[in-house]
Amino acid sequence: MRQIIDAHIHLDHYQDNEIELMMKGLNRIQCTNIISVSFDLASCKRNLELANQYLQVKPAFGFHPEQEFPSDSDVGELISWIDKNKDKMIAIGEVGLPYYLRTESRSFRLEGYIELLESFLKLAKRWEKPILLHAVYDDAPVVCNLLEKYNIKNAHFHWFKGNAATIERMIKNGYYISVTPDVLYEQEIQELVKIYPIEKMMVETDGPWPFEGIFSGKMTHPWMIHQSINAISELKKEEVTSIYETLYNNTKCFYGI
């Protein structure tokens, strides 16, 4: 069986007709579940609706860092809502630090985002929930510091990019990463796959984010994960059936599906 799980997708960002078609086709491509991450409070609510509508959808609730910082009242309302609905979520996410937003402005202030992330980390620890992270390049060591500070082990860095020292640190700490379809054509991701233990790896689409190469012009869809796994198999020089089984079981175990 070549079953898959999409470990990170923004299902609520698709059009309604796209969602319906995607969900109808999941069985055909042997995709048993998708982890749908949230962007803000409205996104959390929409993902909960989708999870109630489709059994395959497992929602994560959080605040995506690559956007304007929320007001205190918005943060309070979001965390209060998540608290009331924590038993309905599979993880806290997507949360992290705004690397790409910060590179657009030299005057950008990071402090509030770190404090907000700490709030989510404390909740993940208290509720014993996995945390799904947006933390790349220079931000990844900062997030590693925080994970170590709060002794959080169940951390998933989605679409990770970073230097060799950070990769070594993440491997030592047992953190998970997930690989997107750009593993077919991005050397940086290919090198990461070669280094990172397959036992700490998952696969994702981060849809509806678009991809290039053979995926150019196509709506991002979980079927692309099969292509990713073939690429991972070649990079790892391991039998593809074994790669399928390991990645699938990794995701099931990490998220308690």
C-alpha atoms as a PDB file:
ATOM      1  CA  MET A   1       0.000   0.000   0.000  1.00  0.00           C
ATOM      2  CA  ARG A   2       1.339   3.418  -0.967  1.00  0.00           C
ATOM      3  CA  GLN A   3      -0.729   5.517   1.403  1.00  0.00           C
ATOM      4  CA  ILE A   4       0.082   9.160   2.041  1.00  0.00           C
ATOM      5  CA  ILE A   5      -0.786  11.962   4.444  1.00  0.00           C
ATOM      6  CA  ASP A   6      -0.413  15.627   3.524  1.00  0.00           C
ATOM      7  CA  ALA A   7       1.290  16.931   6.662  1.00  0.00           C
ATOM      8  CA  HIS A   8       0.744  20.636   5.886  1.00  0.00           C
ATOM      9  CA  ILE A   9      -1.874  22.232   3.645  1.00  0.00           C
ATOM     10  CA  HIS A  10      -3.994  25.401   3.813  1.00  0.00           C
ATOM     11  CA  LEU A  11      -7.237  23.733   2.765  1.00  0.00           C
ATOM     12  CA  ASP A  12      -9.307  26.741   3.766  1.00  0.00           C
ATOM     13  CA  HIS A  13      -7.464  28.870   1.170  1.00  0.00           C
ATOM     14  CA  TYR A  14      -8.887  26.855  -1.720  1.00  0.00           C
ATOM     15  CA  GLN A  15     -12.152  27.675  -3.472  1.00  0.00           C
ATOM     16  CA  ASP A  16     -15.179  25.650  -2.358  1.00  0.00           C
ATOM     17  CA  ASN A  17     -15.395  23.757  -5.654  1.00  0.00           C
ATOM     18  CA  GLU A  18     -11.668  22.954  -5.465  1.00  0.00           C
ATOM     19  CA  ILE A  19     -12.075  21.601  -1.944  1.00  0.00           C
ATOM     20  CA  GLU A  20     -14.992  19.409  -2.985  1.00  0.00           C
ATOM     21  CA  LEU A  21     -13.083  17.937  -5.933  1.00  0.00           C
ATOM     22  CA  MET A  22      -9.957  17.407  -3.840  1.00  0.00           C
ATOM     23  CA  MET A  23     -11.781  15.622  -1.055  1.00  0.00           C
ATOM     24  CA  LYS A  24     -13.682  13.381  -3.471  1.00  0.00           C
ATOM     25  CA  GLY A  25     -10.397  12.265  -5.022  1.00  0.00           C
ATOM     26  CA  LEU A  26      -8.393  11.524  -1.877  1.00  0.00           C
ATOM     27  CA  ASN A  27      -9.285   7.829  -1.761  1.00  0.00           C
ATOM     28  CA  ARG A  28      -8.218   7.377  -5.382  1.00  0.00           C
ATOM     29  CA  ILE A  29      -4.731   8.700  -4.636  1.00  0.00           C
ATOM     30  CA  GLN A  30      -4.585   6.803  -1.309  1.00  0.00           C
ATOM     31  CA  CYS A  31      -4.393   9.978   0.765  1.00  0.00           C
ATOM     32  CA  THR A  32      -5.938   9.066   4.098  1.00  0.00           C
ATOM     33  CA  ASN A  33      -5.624  12.433   5.847  1.00  0.00           C
ATOM     34  CA  ILE A  34      -4.599  16.045   5.407  1.00  0.00           C
ATOM     35  CA  ILE A  35      -3.350  18.339   8.176  1.00  0.00           C
ATOM     36  CA  SER A  36      -5.026  21.677   7.455  1.00  0.00           C
ATOM     37  CA  VAL A  37      -3.206  24.531   9.177  1.00  0.00           C
ATOM     38  CA  SER A  38      -4.701  27.872  10.106  1.00  0.00           C
ATOM     39  CA  PHE A  39      -3.762  31.461   9.286  1.00  0.00           C
ATOM     40  CA  ASP A  40      -5.813  33.433  11.833  1.00  0.00           C
ATOM     41  CA  LEU A  41      -9.070  33.148  13.783  1.00  0.00           C
ATOM     42  CA  ALA A  42     -11.300  33.135  10.702  1.00  0.00           C
ATOM     43  CA  SER A  43      -9.065  30.459   9.212  1.00  0.00           C
ATOM     44  CA  CYS A  44      -9.286  28.386  12.403  1.00  0.00           C
ATOM     45  CA  LYS A  45     -13.063  28.505  12.291  1.00  0.00           C
ATOM     46  CA  ARG A  46     -13.147  27.545   8.619  1.00  0.00           C
ATOM     47  CA  ASN A  47     -10.783  24.627   9.167  1.00  0.00           C
ATOM     48  CA  LEU A  48     -12.970  23.373  12.000  1.00  0.00           C
ATOM     49  CA  GLU A  49     -15.971  23.517   9.640  1.00  0.00           C
ATOM     50  CA  LEU A  50     -14.038  21.523   7.038  1.00  0.00           C
ATOM     51  CA  ALA A  51     -12.999  18.958   9.632  1.00  0.00           C
ATOM     52  CA  ASN A  52     -16.628  18.537  10.656  1.00  0.00           C
ATOM     53  CA  GLN A  53     -17.562  18.081   7.001  1.00  0.00           C
ATOM     54  CA  TYR A  54     -14.745  15.752   5.961  1.00  0.00           C
ATOM     55  CA  LEU A  55     -13.350  12.996   8.172  1.00  0.00           C
ATOM     56  CA  GLN A  56      -9.986  13.084   6.376  1.00  0.00           C
ATOM     57  CA  VAL A  57      -9.316  16.675   7.499  1.00  0.00           C
ATOM     58  CA  LYS A  58      -7.347  17.112  10.703  1.00  0.00           C
ATOM     59  CA  PRO A  59      -7.246  20.815  11.698  1.00  0.00           C
ATOM     60  CA  ALA A  60      -4.428  22.709  13.364  1.00  0.00           C
ATOM     61  CA  PHE A  61      -5.154  26.082  14.958  1.00  0.00           C
ATOM     62  CA  GLY A  62      -2.753  29.011  15.164  1.00  0.00           C
ATOM     63  CA  PHE A  63      -1.587  32.323  13.692  1.00  0.00           C
ATOM     64  CA  HIS A  64       0.638  32.416  10.610  1.00  0.00           C
ATOM     65  CA  PRO A  65       3.547  34.781  11.320  1.00  0.00           C
ATOM     66  CA  GLU A  66       3.963  36.188   7.803  1.00  0.00           C
ATOM     67  CA  GLN A  67       1.328  38.899   8.309  1.00  0.00           C
ATOM     68  CA  GLU A  68       0.729  42.093  10.253  1.00  0.00           C
ATOM     69  CA  PHE A  69       1.011  41.598  13.990  1.00  0.00           C
ATOM     70  CA  PRO A  70      -2.413  41.220  15.654  1.00  0.00           C
ATOM     71  CA  SER A  71      -3.767  43.555  18.314  1.00  0.00           C
ATOM     72  CA  ASP A  72      -3.873  42.426  21.934  1.00  0.00           C
ATOM     73  CA  SER A  73      -7.629  41.953  21.697  1.00  0.00           C
ATOM     74  CA  ASP A  74      -7.274  39.831  18.549  1.00  0.00           C
ATOM     75  CA  VAL A  75      -4.656  37.655  20.229  1.00  0.00           C
ATOM     76  CA  GLY A  76      -6.864  37.257  23.279  1.00  0.00           C
ATOM     77  CA  GLU A  77      -9.882  36.311  21.176  1.00  0.00           C
ATOM     78  CA  LEU A  78      -7.847  33.812  19.135  1.00  0.00           C
ATOM     79  CA  ILE A  79      -6.311  32.054  22.125  1.00  0.00           C
ATOM     80  CA  SER A  80      -9.646  31.993  23.946  1.00  0.00           C
ATOM     81  CA  TRP A  81     -11.293  30.342  20.909  1.00  0.00           C
ATOM     82  CA  ILE A  82      -8.481  27.813  20.545  1.00  0.00           C
ATOM     83  CA  ASP A  83      -8.734  26.990  24.249  1.00  0.00           C
ATOM     84  CA  LYS A  84     -12.444  26.238  23.861  1.00  0.00           C
ATOM     85  CA  ASN A  85     -11.792  24.079  20.797  1.00  0.00           C
ATOM     86  CA  LYS A  86      -8.450  22.486  21.667  1.00  0.00           C
ATOM     87  CA  ASP A  87      -9.909  18.990  21.825  1.00  0.00           C
ATOM     88  CA  LYS A  88     -10.961  19.349  18.188  1.00  0.00           C
ATOM     89  CA  MET A  89      -7.504  20.212  16.857  1.00  0.00           C
ATOM     90  CA  ILE A  90      -4.696  17.828  16.034  1.00  0.00           C
ATOM     91  CA  ALA A  91      -1.952  20.397  16.677  1.00  0.00           C
ATOM     92  CA  ILE A  92      -1.101  24.053  17.162  1.00  0.00           C
ATOM     93  CA  GLY A  93      -0.159  25.569  13.816  1.00  0.00           C
ATOM     94  CA  GLU A  94       0.831  27.223  11.761  1.00  0.00           C
ATOM     95  CA  VAL A  95       2.916  29.373  14.078  1.00  0.00           C
ATOM     96  CA  GLY A  96       6.472  30.708  14.036  1.00  0.00           C
ATOM     97  CA  LEU A  97       8.462  33.776  13.037  1.00  0.00           C
ATOM     98  CA  PRO A  98       8.082  36.118  10.022  1.00  0.00           C
ATOM     99  CA  TYR A  99      11.373  35.615   8.149  1.00  0.00           C
ATOM    100  CA  TYR A 100      10.132  36.615   4.699  1.00  0.00           C
ATOM    101  CA  LEU A 101       8.106  39.577   5.947  1.00  0.00           C
ATOM    102  CA  ARG A 102      11.094  40.827   7.911  1.00  0.00           C
ATOM    103  CA  THR A 103      13.422  40.724   4.907  1.00  0.00           C
ATOM    104  CA  GLU A 104      11.165  43.230   3.155  1.00  0.00           C
ATOM    105  CA  SER A 105      11.736  45.948   5.778  1.00  0.00           C
ATOM    106  CA  ARG A 106      14.869  46.822   7.771  1.00  0.00           C
ATOM    107  CA  SER A 107      12.763  48.602  10.402  1.00  0.00           C
ATOM    108  CA  PHE A 108      10.668  45.511  11.080  1.00  0.00           C
ATOM    109  CA  ARG A 109      10.434  44.636  14.782  1.00  0.00           C
ATOM    110  CA  LEU A 110      10.470  40.950  15.734  1.00  0.00           C
ATOM    111  CA  GLU A 111       9.874  41.164  19.478  1.00  0.00           C
ATOM    112  CA  GLY A 112       6.097  40.821  19.539  1.00  0.00           C
ATOM    113  CA  TYR A 113       6.209  37.800  17.263  1.00  0.00           C
ATOM    114  CA  ILE A 114       8.612  36.012  19.597  1.00  0.00           C
ATOM    115  CA  GLU A 115       6.326  36.655  22.552  1.00  0.00           C
ATOM    116  CA  LEU A 116       3.319  35.394  20.591  1.00  0.00           C
ATOM    117  CA  LEU A 117       5.191  32.242  19.593  1.00  0.00           C
ATOM    118  CA  GLU A 118       6.136  31.689  23.225  1.00  0.00           C
ATOM    119  CA  SER A 119       2.446  31.854  24.121  1.00  0.00           C
ATOM    120  CA  PHE A 120       1.700  29.094  21.623  1.00  0.00           C
ATOM    121  CA  LEU A 121       4.616  27.001  22.833  1.00  0.00           C
ATOM    122  CA  LYS A 122       3.356  27.239  26.405  1.00  0.00           C
ATOM    123  CA  LEU A 123      -0.087  26.102  25.257  1.00  0.00           C
ATOM    124  CA  ALA A 124       1.387  23.199  23.279  1.00  0.00           C
ATOM    125  CA  LYS A 125       3.273  22.116  26.387  1.00  0.00           C
ATOM    126  CA  ARG A 126       0.270  22.492  28.679  1.00  0.00           C
ATOM    127  CA  TRP A 127      -2.143  20.732  26.320  1.00  0.00           C
ATOM    128  CA  GLU A 128       0.396  18.111  25.193  1.00  0.00           C
ATOM    129  CA  LYS A 129      -0.201  18.962  21.540  1.00  0.00           C
ATOM    130  CA  PRO A 130       2.300  18.827  18.649  1.00  0.00           C
ATOM    131  CA  ILE A 131       3.353  22.188  17.242  1.00  0.00           C
ATOM    132  CA  LEU A 132       3.663  22.923  13.524  1.00  0.00           C
ATOM    133  CA  LEU A 133       6.254  25.602  12.809  1.00  0.00           C
ATOM    134  CA  HIS A 134       7.147  28.201  10.210  1.00  0.00           C
ATOM    135  CA  ALA A 135      10.804  28.845  11.052  1.00  0.00           C
ATOM    136  CA  VAL A 136      13.454  29.099   8.345  1.00  0.00           C
ATOM    137  CA  TYR A 137      17.030  30.331   7.909  1.00  0.00           C
ATOM    138  CA  ASP A 138      18.048  32.802  10.662  1.00  0.00           C
ATOM    139  CA  ASP A 139      14.793  32.275  12.560  1.00  0.00           C
ATOM    140  CA  ALA A 140      15.247  28.539  13.023  1.00  0.00           C
ATOM    141  CA  PRO A 141      17.939  28.790  15.763  1.00  0.00           C
ATOM    142  CA  VAL A 142      15.740  31.267  17.648  1.00  0.00           C
ATOM    143  CA  VAL A 143      12.862  28.803  17.541  1.00  0.00           C
ATOM    144  CA  CYS A 144      15.156  25.952  18.565  1.00  0.00           C
ATOM    145  CA  ASN A 145      16.160  28.032  21.609  1.00  0.00           C
ATOM    146  CA  LEU A 146      12.516  28.419  22.566  1.00  0.00           C
ATOM    147  CA  LEU A 147      11.703  24.743  22.029  1.00  0.00           C
ATOM    148  CA  GLU A 148      14.610  23.817  24.269  1.00  0.00           C
ATOM    149  CA  LYS A 149      13.587  26.419  26.848  1.00  0.00           C
ATOM    150  CA  TYR A 150      10.128  24.862  27.191  1.00  0.00           C
ATOM    151  CA  ASN A 151      11.389  21.287  26.682  1.00  0.00           C
ATOM    152  CA  ILE A 152       9.126  20.694  23.695  1.00  0.00           C
ATOM    153  CA  LYS A 153       9.978  17.610  21.651  1.00  0.00           C
ATOM    154  CA  ASN A 154       6.955  17.243  19.348  1.00  0.00           C
ATOM    155  CA  ALA A 155       7.987  19.956  16.898  1.00  0.00           C
ATOM    156  CA  HIS A 156       7.387  19.861  13.146  1.00  0.00           C
ATOM    157  CA  PHE A 157       9.294  22.357  10.965  1.00  0.00           C
ATOM    158  CA  HIS A 158       7.413  22.570   7.688  1.00  0.00           C
ATOM    159  CA  TRP A 159       9.269  23.316   4.411  1.00  0.00           C
ATOM    160  CA  PHE A 160      12.435  23.881   6.386  1.00  0.00           C
ATOM    161  CA  LYS A 161      15.524  25.685   5.087  1.00  0.00           C
ATOM    162  CA  GLY A 162      18.580  26.431   7.193  1.00  0.00           C
ATOM    163  CA  ASN A 163      22.299  26.047   7.674  1.00  0.00           C
ATOM    164  CA  ALA A 164      24.238  22.894   8.535  1.00  0.00           C
ATOM    165  CA  ALA A 165      24.620  23.765  12.231  1.00  0.00           C
ATOM    166  CA  THR A 166      20.866  24.243  12.670  1.00  0.00           C
ATOM    167  CA  ILE A 167      20.102  21.042  10.774  1.00  0.00           C
ATOM    168  CA  GLU A 168      22.489  19.120  13.043  1.00  0.00           C
ATOM    169  CA  ARG A 169      20.868  20.663  16.107  1.00  0.00           C
ATOM    170  CA  MET A 170      17.360  19.765  14.915  1.00  0.00           C
ATOM    171  CA  ILE A 171      18.388  16.192  14.200  1.00  0.00           C
ATOM    172  CA  LYS A 172      19.958  15.900  17.655  1.00  0.00           C
ATOM    173  CA  ASN A 173      16.774  17.225  19.275  1.00  0.00           C
ATOM    174  CA  GLY A 174      14.571  14.844  17.280  1.00  0.00           C
ATOM    175  CA  TYR A 175      12.507  17.504  15.508  1.00  0.00           C
ATOM    176  CA  TYR A 176      10.577  16.572  12.379  1.00  0.00           C
ATOM    177  CA  ILE A 177      10.650  18.257   8.973  1.00  0.00           C
ATOM    178  CA  SER A 178       8.297  17.921   6.012  1.00  0.00           C
ATOM    179  CA  VAL A 179       9.246  17.996   2.346  1.00  0.00           C
ATOM    180  CA  THR A 180       7.314  19.769  -0.416  1.00  0.00           C
ATOM    181  CA  PRO A 181       7.100  18.970  -4.150  1.00  0.00           C
ATOM    182  CA  ASP A 182      10.005  21.321  -4.862  1.00  0.00           C
ATOM    183  CA  VAL A 183      12.246  18.407  -3.845  1.00  0.00           C
ATOM    184  CA  LEU A 184      12.035  17.490  -7.535  1.00  0.00           C
ATOM    185  CA  TYR A 185      13.945  20.586  -8.649  1.00  0.00           C
ATOM    186  CA  GLU A 186      15.400  22.572  -5.705  1.00  0.00           C
ATOM    187  CA  GLN A 187      18.954  21.565  -4.847  1.00  0.00           C
ATOM    188  CA  GLU A 188      18.727  23.062  -1.350  1.00  0.00           C
ATOM    189  CA  ILE A 189      15.802  20.782  -0.494  1.00  0.00           C
ATOM    190  CA  GLN A 190      17.459  17.790  -2.141  1.00  0.00           C
ATOM    191  CA  GLU A 191      20.573  18.245  -0.012  1.00  0.00           C
ATOM    192  CA  LEU A 192      18.425  18.530   3.116  1.00  0.00           C
ATOM    193  CA  VAL A 193      16.675  15.260   2.258  1.00  0.00           C
ATOM    194  CA  LYS A 194      20.015  13.498   1.865  1.00  0.00           C
ATOM    195  CA  ILE A 195      21.122  14.637   5.329  1.00  0.00           C
ATOM    196  CA  TYR A 196      17.961  14.427   7.412  1.00  0.00           C
ATOM    197  CA  PRO A 197      16.953  11.033   8.905  1.00  0.00           C
ATOM    198  CA  ILE A 198      14.000   9.503   7.092  1.00  0.00           C
ATOM    199  CA  GLU A 199      12.650   8.521  10.537  1.00  0.00           C
ATOM    200  CA  LYS A 200      12.101  12.238  11.269  1.00  0.00           C
ATOM    201  CA  MET A 201      10.587  13.226   7.931  1.00  0.00           C
ATOM    202  CA  MET A 202       7.078  13.816   6.558  1.00  0.00           C
ATOM    203  CA  VAL A 203       5.699  15.054   3.245  1.00  0.00           C
ATOM    204  CA  GLU A 204       3.439  18.010   2.518  1.00  0.00           C
ATOM    205  CA  THR A 205       2.134  20.279  -0.233  1.00  0.00           C
ATOM    206  CA  ASP A 206       1.680  23.618   1.564  1.00  0.00           C
ATOM    207  CA  GLY A 207      -1.133  24.098  -0.945  1.00  0.00           C
ATOM    208  CA  PRO A 208      -2.397  26.176  -2.543  1.00  0.00           C
ATOM    209  CA  TRP A 209       1.188  27.462  -2.884  1.00  0.00           C
ATOM    210  CA  PRO A 210       2.146  26.735  -6.536  1.00  0.00           C
ATOM    211  CA  PHE A 211       5.155  24.729  -7.673  1.00  0.00           C
ATOM    212  CA  GLU A 212       7.357  24.710 -10.759  1.00  0.00           C
ATOM    213  CA  GLY A 213       8.848  22.057 -13.036  1.00  0.00           C
ATOM    214  CA  ILE A 214       6.385  19.299 -13.889  1.00  0.00           C
ATOM    215  CA  PHE A 215       3.851  20.977 -11.565  1.00  0.00           C
ATOM    216  CA  SER A 216       3.931  24.331 -13.360  1.00  0.00           C
ATOM    217  CA  GLY A 217       0.428  25.644 -14.032  1.00  0.00           C
ATOM    218  CA  LYS A 218      -1.234  22.912 -11.964  1.00  0.00           C
ATOM    219  CA  MET A 219      -3.301  23.438  -8.837  1.00  0.00           C
ATOM    220  CA  THR A 220      -1.327  22.181  -5.858  1.00  0.00           C
ATOM    221  CA  HIS A 221      -2.885  18.892  -4.784  1.00  0.00           C
ATOM    222  CA  PRO A 222      -1.921  15.974  -2.496  1.00  0.00           C
ATOM    223  CA  TRP A 223      -1.342  13.742  -5.564  1.00  0.00           C
ATOM    224  CA  MET A 224       1.950  15.624  -5.979  1.00  0.00           C
ATOM    225  CA  ILE A 225       3.211  13.922  -2.836  1.00  0.00           C
ATOM    226  CA  HIS A 226       3.650  10.670  -4.771  1.00  0.00           C
ATOM    227  CA  GLN A 227       6.153  12.451  -7.000  1.00  0.00           C
ATOM    228  CA  SER A 228       7.898  13.826  -3.905  1.00  0.00           C
ATOM    229  CA  ILE A 229       8.229  10.359  -2.422  1.00  0.00           C
ATOM    230  CA  ASN A 230       9.741   8.992  -5.621  1.00  0.00           C
ATOM    231  CA  ALA A 231      12.314  11.792  -5.479  1.00  0.00           C
ATOM    232  CA  ILE A 232      13.035  11.127  -1.793  1.00  0.00           C
ATOM    233  CA  SER A 233      13.529   7.438  -2.569  1.00  0.00           C
ATOM    234  CA  GLU A 234      16.108   8.280  -5.229  1.00  0.00           C
ATOM    235  CA  LEU A 235      17.923  10.769  -3.002  1.00  0.00           C
ATOM    236  CA  LYS A 236      18.007   8.393  -0.055  1.00  0.00           C
ATOM    237  CA  LYS A 237      18.851   5.420  -2.298  1.00  0.00           C
ATOM    238  CA  GLU A 238      16.204   3.396  -0.512  1.00  0.00           C
ATOM    239  CA  GLU A 239      13.386   1.256  -1.865  1.00  0.00           C
ATOM    240  CA  VAL A 240      10.326   3.382  -2.566  1.00  0.00           C
ATOM    241  CA  THR A 241       7.884   1.062  -0.784  1.00  0.00           C
ATOM    242  CA  SER A 242       9.934   1.386   2.402  1.00  0.00           C
ATOM    243  CA  ILE A 243       9.973   5.189   2.056  1.00  0.00           C
ATOM    244  CA  TYR A 244       6.191   5.261   1.680  1.00  0.00           C
ATOM    245  CA  GLU A 245       5.713   3.142   4.805  1.00  0.00           C
ATOM    246  CA  THR A 246       8.148   5.154   6.913  1.00  0.00           C
ATOM    247  CA  LEU A 247       6.786   8.579   5.949  1.00  0.00           C
ATOM    248  CA  TYR A 248       3.201   7.465   6.467  1.00  0.00           C
ATOM    249  CA  ASN A 249       3.894   5.934   9.880  1.00  0.00           C
ATOM    250  CA  ASN A 250       5.968   8.957  10.912  1.00  0.00           C
ATOM    251  CA  THR A 251       3.027  11.256  10.308  1.00  0.00           C
ATOM    252  CA  LYS A 252       0.464   8.979  11.925  1.00  0.00           C
ATOM    253  CA  CYS A 253       2.579   8.580  15.041  1.00  0.00           C
ATOM    254  CA  PHE A 254       3.597  12.229  15.335  1.00  0.00           C
ATOM    255  CA  TYR A 255       0.032  13.517  15.040  1.00  0.00           C
ATOM    256  CA  GLY A 256      -1.672  10.609  16.780  1.00  0.00           C
ATOM    257  CA  ILE A 257      -3.943   9.873  13.825  1.00  0.00           C
END
